[in-house]
Amino acid sequence: MCVEIKNFNVKTTDKVIVLIEENKEITISEMAKILEKTPRSIERAIQSLKQKGKIKRVGSDKTGSWQVL
């Protein structure tokens, strides 16, 4: 994991993108634990990124993966 990922000046959405680029199969709970945020905060960040067309989920919720666009 990048050292700067825990930098407090970086937006959660940017941190989520970095985590997805490092591990396309990462779960919301894993992201929440790494970033020391609640799963709900991660869900809001993901929803924002999806609306902006920056990420999408490929496959099912259980066995799928993330794709950075």
PDB file of N, CA and C in Angstrom:
ATOM      1  N   MET A   1       0.836  -1.175   0.000  1.00  0.00           N
ATOM      2  CA  MET A   1       0.000   0.000   0.000  1.00  0.00           C
ATOM      3  C   MET A   1       0.881   1.239   0.000  1.00  0.00           C
ATOM      4  N   CYS A   2       0.462   2.252  -0.740  1.00  0.00           N
ATOM      5  CA  CYS A   2       1.209   3.501  -0.812  1.00  0.00           C
ATOM      6  C   CYS A   2       1.202   4.208   0.537  1.00  0.00           C
ATOM      7  N   VAL A   3       2.317   4.804   0.879  1.00  0.00           N
ATOM      8  CA  VAL A   3       2.433   5.528   2.138  1.00  0.00           C
ATOM      9  C   VAL A   3       1.494   6.722   2.155  1.00  0.00           C
ATOM     10  N   GLU A   4       1.387   7.426   1.025  1.00  0.00           N
ATOM     11  CA  GLU A   4       0.573   8.632   0.986  1.00  0.00           C
ATOM     12  C   GLU A   4      -0.929   8.361   1.004  1.00  0.00           C
ATOM     13  N   ILE A   5      -1.354   7.109   0.978  1.00  0.00           N
ATOM     14  CA  ILE A   5      -2.779   6.807   0.974  1.00  0.00           C
ATOM     15  C   ILE A   5      -3.461   7.258   2.258  1.00  0.00           C
ATOM     16  N   LYS A   6      -2.732   7.308   3.345  1.00  0.00           N
ATOM     17  CA  LYS A   6      -3.317   7.750   4.607  1.00  0.00           C
ATOM     18  C   LYS A   6      -3.148   9.246   4.816  1.00  0.00           C
ATOM     19  N   ASN A   7      -2.630   9.951   3.826  1.00  0.00           N
ATOM     20  CA  ASN A   7      -2.478  11.394   3.905  1.00  0.00           C
ATOM     21  C   ASN A   7      -3.857  12.015   4.090  1.00  0.00           C
ATOM     22  N   PHE A   8      -4.001  12.826   5.117  1.00  0.00           N
ATOM     23  CA  PHE A   8      -5.305  13.386   5.455  1.00  0.00           C
ATOM     24  C   PHE A   8      -5.759  14.466   4.483  1.00  0.00           C
ATOM     25  N   ASN A   9      -4.875  14.955   3.634  1.00  0.00           N
ATOM     26  CA  ASN A   9      -5.245  15.986   2.672  1.00  0.00           C
ATOM     27  C   ASN A   9      -5.787  15.408   1.367  1.00  0.00           C
ATOM     28  N   VAL A  10      -5.780  14.103   1.245  1.00  0.00           N
ATOM     29  CA  VAL A  10      -6.263  13.444   0.031  1.00  0.00           C
ATOM     30  C   VAL A  10      -7.711  13.013   0.243  1.00  0.00           C
ATOM     31  N   LYS A  11      -8.553  13.270  -0.750  1.00  0.00           N
ATOM     32  CA  LYS A  11      -9.971  12.911  -0.641  1.00  0.00           C
ATOM     33  C   LYS A  11     -10.148  11.399  -0.592  1.00  0.00           C
ATOM     34  N   THR A  12     -11.197  10.980   0.091  1.00  0.00           N
ATOM     35  CA  THR A  12     -11.506   9.552   0.199  1.00  0.00           C
ATOM     36  C   THR A  12     -11.700   8.943  -1.179  1.00  0.00           C
ATOM     37  N   THR A  13     -12.334   9.664  -2.094  1.00  0.00           N
ATOM     38  CA  THR A  13     -12.553   9.115  -3.438  1.00  0.00           C
ATOM     39  C   THR A  13     -11.228   8.817  -4.137  1.00  0.00           C
ATOM     40  N   ASP A  14     -10.245   9.692  -3.951  1.00  0.00           N
ATOM     41  CA  ASP A  14      -8.931   9.456  -4.563  1.00  0.00           C
ATOM     42  C   ASP A  14      -8.240   8.253  -3.928  1.00  0.00           C
ATOM     43  N   LYS A  15      -8.411   8.100  -2.628  1.00  0.00           N
ATOM     44  CA  LYS A  15      -7.826   6.958  -1.929  1.00  0.00           C
ATOM     45  C   LYS A  15      -8.457   5.655  -2.406  1.00  0.00           C
ATOM     46  N   VAL A  16      -9.777   5.688  -2.623  1.00  0.00           N
ATOM     47  CA  VAL A  16     -10.487   4.497  -3.107  1.00  0.00           C
ATOM     48  C   VAL A  16      -9.966   4.098  -4.486  1.00  0.00           C
ATOM     49  N   ILE A  17      -9.745   5.067  -5.353  1.00  0.00           N
ATOM     50  CA  ILE A  17      -9.220   4.770  -6.689  1.00  0.00           C
ATOM     51  C   ILE A  17      -7.845   4.104  -6.585  1.00  0.00           C
ATOM     52  N   VAL A  18      -6.993   4.606  -5.711  1.00  0.00           N
ATOM     53  CA  VAL A  18      -5.662   4.013  -5.535  1.00  0.00           C
ATOM     54  C   VAL A  18      -5.784   2.567  -5.068  1.00  0.00           C
ATOM     55  N   LEU A  19      -6.658   2.325  -4.097  1.00  0.00           N
ATOM     56  CA  LEU A  19      -6.835   0.959  -3.589  1.00  0.00           C
ATOM     57  C   LEU A  19      -7.360   0.027  -4.681  1.00  0.00           C
ATOM     58  N   ILE A  20      -8.294   0.508  -5.485  1.00  0.00           N
ATOM     59  CA  ILE A  20      -8.842  -0.314  -6.569  1.00  0.00           C
ATOM     60  C   ILE A  20      -7.770  -0.606  -7.612  1.00  0.00           C
ATOM     61  N   GLU A  21      -6.932   0.382  -7.917  1.00  0.00           N
ATOM     62  CA  GLU A  21      -5.856   0.150  -8.880  1.00  0.00           C
ATOM     63  C   GLU A  21      -4.865  -0.898  -8.370  1.00  0.00           C
ATOM     64  N   GLU A  22      -4.657  -0.933  -7.051  1.00  0.00           N
ATOM     65  CA  GLU A  22      -3.734  -1.908  -6.461  1.00  0.00           C
ATOM     66  C   GLU A  22      -4.344  -3.301  -6.374  1.00  0.00           C
ATOM     67  N   ASN A  23      -5.667  -3.368  -6.159  1.00  0.00           N
ATOM     68  CA  ASN A  23      -6.339  -4.666  -6.000  1.00  0.00           C
ATOM     69  C   ASN A  23      -7.757  -4.550  -6.538  1.00  0.00           C
ATOM     70  N   LYS A  24      -7.977  -5.023  -7.744  1.00  0.00           N
ATOM     71  CA  LYS A  24      -9.274  -4.885  -8.414  1.00  0.00           C
ATOM     72  C   LYS A  24     -10.392  -5.669  -7.725  1.00  0.00           C
ATOM     73  N   GLU A  25     -10.035  -6.611  -6.869  1.00  0.00           N
ATOM     74  CA  GLU A  25     -11.046  -7.435  -6.202  1.00  0.00           C
ATOM     75  C   GLU A  25     -11.246  -7.032  -4.741  1.00  0.00           C
ATOM     76  N   ILE A  26     -10.760  -5.866  -4.342  1.00  0.00           N
ATOM     77  CA  ILE A  26     -10.875  -5.408  -2.958  1.00  0.00           C
ATOM     78  C   ILE A  26     -12.346  -5.174  -2.592  1.00  0.00           C
ATOM     79  N   THR A  27     -12.681  -5.464  -1.357  1.00  0.00           N
ATOM     80  CA  THR A  27     -14.054  -5.277  -0.891  1.00  0.00           C
ATOM     81  C   THR A  27     -14.197  -3.937  -0.177  1.00  0.00           C
ATOM     82  N   ILE A  28     -15.440  -3.526  -0.015  1.00  0.00           N
ATOM     83  CA  ILE A  28     -15.723  -2.282   0.696  1.00  0.00           C
ATOM     84  C   ILE A  28     -15.227  -2.360   2.133  1.00  0.00           C
ATOM     85  N   SER A  29     -15.432  -3.494   2.771  1.00  0.00           N
ATOM     86  CA  SER A  29     -14.981  -3.628   4.159  1.00  0.00           C
ATOM     87  C   SER A  29     -13.458  -3.576   4.256  1.00  0.00           C
ATOM     88  N   GLU A  30     -12.753  -4.138   3.278  1.00  0.00           N
ATOM     89  CA  GLU A  30     -11.292  -4.062   3.276  1.00  0.00           C
ATOM     90  C   GLU A  30     -10.822  -2.619   3.089  1.00  0.00           C
ATOM     91  N   MET A  31     -11.481  -1.890   2.182  1.00  0.00           N
ATOM     92  CA  MET A  31     -11.137  -0.486   1.973  1.00  0.00           C
ATOM     93  C   MET A  31     -11.376   0.317   3.247  1.00  0.00           C
ATOM     94  N   ALA A  32     -12.503   0.056   3.897  1.00  0.00           N
ATOM     95  CA  ALA A  32     -12.849   0.777   5.120  1.00  0.00           C
ATOM     96  C   ALA A  32     -11.790   0.545   6.199  1.00  0.00           C
ATOM     97  N   LYS A  33     -11.348  -0.672   6.324  1.00  0.00           N
ATOM     98  CA  LYS A  33     -10.340  -1.005   7.340  1.00  0.00           C
ATOM     99  C   LYS A  33      -9.004  -0.321   7.025  1.00  0.00           C
ATOM    100  N   ILE A  34      -8.573  -0.370   5.776  1.00  0.00           N
ATOM    101  CA  ILE A  34      -7.305   0.237   5.375  1.00  0.00           C
ATOM    102  C   ILE A  34      -7.336   1.751   5.573  1.00  0.00           C
ATOM    103  N   LEU A  35      -8.450   2.371   5.183  1.00  0.00           N
ATOM    104  CA  LEU A  35      -8.550   3.828   5.241  1.00  0.00           C
ATOM    105  C   LEU A  35      -9.048   4.347   6.588  1.00  0.00           C
ATOM    106  N   GLU A  36      -9.372   3.411   7.479  1.00  0.00           N
ATOM    107  CA  GLU A  36      -9.894   3.768   8.801  1.00  0.00           C
ATOM    108  C   GLU A  36     -11.142   4.639   8.682  1.00  0.00           C
ATOM    109  N   LYS A  37     -12.045   4.208   7.816  1.00  0.00           N
ATOM    110  CA  LYS A  37     -13.340   4.857   7.587  1.00  0.00           C
ATOM    111  C   LYS A  37     -14.425   3.820   7.804  1.00  0.00           C
ATOM    112  N   THR A  38     -15.669   4.281   7.875  1.00  0.00           N
ATOM    113  CA  THR A  38     -16.781   3.351   7.988  1.00  0.00           C
ATOM    114  C   THR A  38     -17.099   2.787   6.601  1.00  0.00           C
ATOM    115  N   PRO A  39     -17.668   1.588   6.553  1.00  0.00           N
ATOM    116  CA  PRO A  39     -18.078   1.046   5.251  1.00  0.00           C
ATOM    117  C   PRO A  39     -19.048   1.984   4.525  1.00  0.00           C
ATOM    118  N   ARG A  40     -19.891   2.670   5.274  1.00  0.00           N
ATOM    119  CA  ARG A  40     -20.844   3.598   4.655  1.00  0.00           C
ATOM    120  C   ARG A  40     -20.112   4.754   3.966  1.00  0.00           C
ATOM    121  N   SER A  41     -19.042   5.248   4.562  1.00  0.00           N
ATOM    122  CA  SER A  41     -18.248   6.314   3.936  1.00  0.00           C
ATOM    123  C   SER A  41     -17.651   5.838   2.616  1.00  0.00           C
ATOM    124  N   ILE A  42     -17.186   4.605   2.603  1.00  0.00           N
ATOM    125  CA  ILE A  42     -16.622   4.031   1.379  1.00  0.00           C
ATOM    126  C   ILE A  42     -17.717   3.865   0.326  1.00  0.00           C
ATOM    127  N   GLU A  43     -18.894   3.423   0.743  1.00  0.00           N
ATOM    128  CA  GLU A  43     -20.021   3.277  -0.189  1.00  0.00           C
ATOM    129  C   GLU A  43     -20.374   4.614  -0.826  1.00  0.00           C
ATOM    130  N   ARG A  44     -20.381   5.691  -0.031  1.00  0.00           N
ATOM    131  CA  ARG A  44     -20.686   7.024  -0.578  1.00  0.00           C
ATOM    132  C   ARG A  44     -19.611   7.454  -1.580  1.00  0.00           C
ATOM    133  N   ALA A  45     -18.352   7.181  -1.262  1.00  0.00           N
ATOM    134  CA  ALA A  45     -17.256   7.529  -2.172  1.00  0.00           C
ATOM    135  C   ALA A  45     -17.381   6.750  -3.483  1.00  0.00           C
ATOM    136  N   ILE A  46     -17.709   5.471  -3.378  1.00  0.00           N
ATOM    137  CA  ILE A  46     -17.874   4.631  -4.566  1.00  0.00           C
ATOM    138  C   ILE A  46     -19.046   5.116  -5.408  1.00  0.00           C
ATOM    139  N   GLN A  47     -20.140   5.462  -4.756  1.00  0.00           N
ATOM    140  CA  GLN A  47     -21.314   5.966  -5.480  1.00  0.00           C
ATOM    141  C   GLN A  47     -20.950   7.245  -6.239  1.00  0.00           C
ATOM    142  N   SER A  48     -20.205   8.119  -5.615  1.00  0.00           N
ATOM    143  CA  SER A  48     -19.771   9.357  -6.255  1.00  0.00           C
ATOM    144  C   SER A  48     -18.888   9.058  -7.463  1.00  0.00           C
ATOM    145  N   LEU A  49     -17.957   8.139  -7.302  1.00  0.00           N
ATOM    146  CA  LEU A  49     -17.068   7.769  -8.397  1.00  0.00           C
ATOM    147  C   LEU A  49     -17.830   7.128  -9.554  1.00  0.00           C
ATOM    148  N   LYS A  50     -18.827   6.308  -9.240  1.00  0.00           N
ATOM    149  CA  LYS A  50     -19.652   5.684 -10.288  1.00  0.00           C
ATOM    150  C   LYS A  50     -20.425   6.749 -11.051  1.00  0.00           C
ATOM    151  N   GLN A  51     -21.011   7.715 -10.331  1.00  0.00           N
ATOM    152  CA  GLN A  51     -21.794   8.773 -10.977  1.00  0.00           C
ATOM    153  C   GLN A  51     -20.926   9.635 -11.891  1.00  0.00           C
ATOM    154  N   LYS A  52     -19.671   9.813 -11.515  1.00  0.00           N
ATOM    155  CA  LYS A  52     -18.742  10.609 -12.323  1.00  0.00           C
ATOM    156  C   LYS A  52     -18.122   9.795 -13.456  1.00  0.00           C
ATOM    157  N   GLY A  53     -18.431   8.493 -13.499  1.00  0.00           N
ATOM    158  CA  GLY A  53     -17.919   7.633 -14.552  1.00  0.00           C
ATOM    159  C   GLY A  53     -16.453   7.278 -14.395  1.00  0.00           C
ATOM    160  N   LYS A  54     -15.945   7.298 -13.164  1.00  0.00           N
ATOM    161  CA  LYS A  54     -14.533   7.000 -12.933  1.00  0.00           C
ATOM    162  C   LYS A  54     -14.269   5.533 -12.622  1.00  0.00           C
ATOM    163  N   ILE A  55     -15.260   4.834 -12.074  1.00  0.00           N
ATOM    164  CA  ILE A  55     -15.113   3.407 -11.791  1.00  0.00           C
ATOM    165  C   ILE A  55     -16.408   2.690 -12.137  1.00  0.00           C
ATOM    166  N   LYS A  56     -16.312   1.383 -12.283  1.00  0.00           N
ATOM    167  CA  LYS A  56     -17.513   0.565 -12.414  1.00  0.00           C
ATOM    168  C   LYS A  56     -17.223  -0.829 -11.880  1.00  0.00           C
ATOM    169  N   ARG A  57     -18.270  -1.516 -11.526  1.00  0.00           N
ATOM    170  CA  ARG A  57     -18.172  -2.880 -11.021  1.00  0.00           C
ATOM    171  C   ARG A  57     -18.422  -3.820 -12.184  1.00  0.00           C
ATOM    172  N   VAL A  58     -17.535  -4.782 -12.370  1.00  0.00           N
ATOM    173  CA  VAL A  58     -17.664  -5.766 -13.438  1.00  0.00           C
ATOM    174  C   VAL A  58     -17.969  -7.106 -12.783  1.00  0.00           C
ATOM    175  N   GLY A  59     -19.067  -7.722 -13.166  1.00  0.00           N
ATOM    176  CA  GLY A  59     -19.442  -9.000 -12.577  1.00  0.00           C
ATOM    177  C   GLY A  59     -20.334  -8.816 -11.365  1.00  0.00           C
ATOM    178  N   SER A  60     -20.489  -9.877 -10.626  1.00  0.00           N
ATOM    179  CA  SER A  60     -21.396  -9.867  -9.479  1.00  0.00           C
ATOM    180  C   SER A  60     -20.760  -9.182  -8.275  1.00  0.00           C
ATOM    181  N   ASP A  61     -21.594  -8.878  -7.289  1.00  0.00           N
ATOM    182  CA  ASP A  61     -21.097  -8.262  -6.061  1.00  0.00           C
ATOM    183  C   ASP A  61     -20.116  -9.181  -5.342  1.00  0.00           C
ATOM    184  N   LYS A  62     -20.362 -10.460  -5.401  1.00  0.00           N
ATOM    185  CA  LYS A  62     -19.540 -11.406  -4.650  1.00  0.00           C
ATOM    186  C   LYS A  62     -18.243 -11.785  -5.369  1.00  0.00           C
ATOM    187  N   THR A  63     -18.326 -12.047  -6.655  1.00  0.00           N
ATOM    188  CA  THR A  63     -17.152 -12.548  -7.373  1.00  0.00           C
ATOM    189  C   THR A  63     -16.609 -11.577  -8.404  1.00  0.00           C
ATOM    190  N   GLY A  64     -17.200 -10.403  -8.489  1.00  0.00           N
ATOM    191  CA  GLY A  64     -16.771  -9.436  -9.494  1.00  0.00           C
ATOM    192  C   GLY A  64     -15.526  -8.670  -9.100  1.00  0.00           C
ATOM    193  N   SER A  65     -15.199  -7.663  -9.906  1.00  0.00           N
ATOM    194  CA  SER A  65     -14.038  -6.824  -9.637  1.00  0.00           C
ATOM    195  C   SER A  65     -14.359  -5.394 -10.040  1.00  0.00           C
ATOM    196  N   TRP A  66     -13.505  -4.479  -9.600  1.00  0.00           N
ATOM    197  CA  TRP A  66     -13.655  -3.066  -9.929  1.00  0.00           C
ATOM    198  C   TRP A  66     -12.847  -2.735 -11.172  1.00  0.00           C
ATOM    199  N   GLN A  67     -13.301  -1.741 -11.915  1.00  0.00           N
ATOM    200  CA  GLN A  67     -12.561  -1.285 -13.077  1.00  0.00           C
ATOM    201  C   GLN A  67     -12.481   0.238 -13.015  1.00  0.00           C
ATOM    202  N   VAL A  68     -11.269   0.771 -13.081  1.00  0.00           N
ATOM    203  CA  VAL A  68     -11.063   2.213 -13.139  1.00  0.00           C
ATOM    204  C   VAL A  68     -11.144   2.625 -14.604  1.00  0.00           C
ATOM    205  N   LEU A  69     -11.974   3.599 -14.885  1.00  0.00           N
ATOM    206  CA  LEU A  69     -12.183   4.024 -16.282  1.00  0.00           C
ATOM    207  C   LEU A  69     -11.341   5.223 -16.639  1.00  0.00           C
TER     208      LEU A  69
END
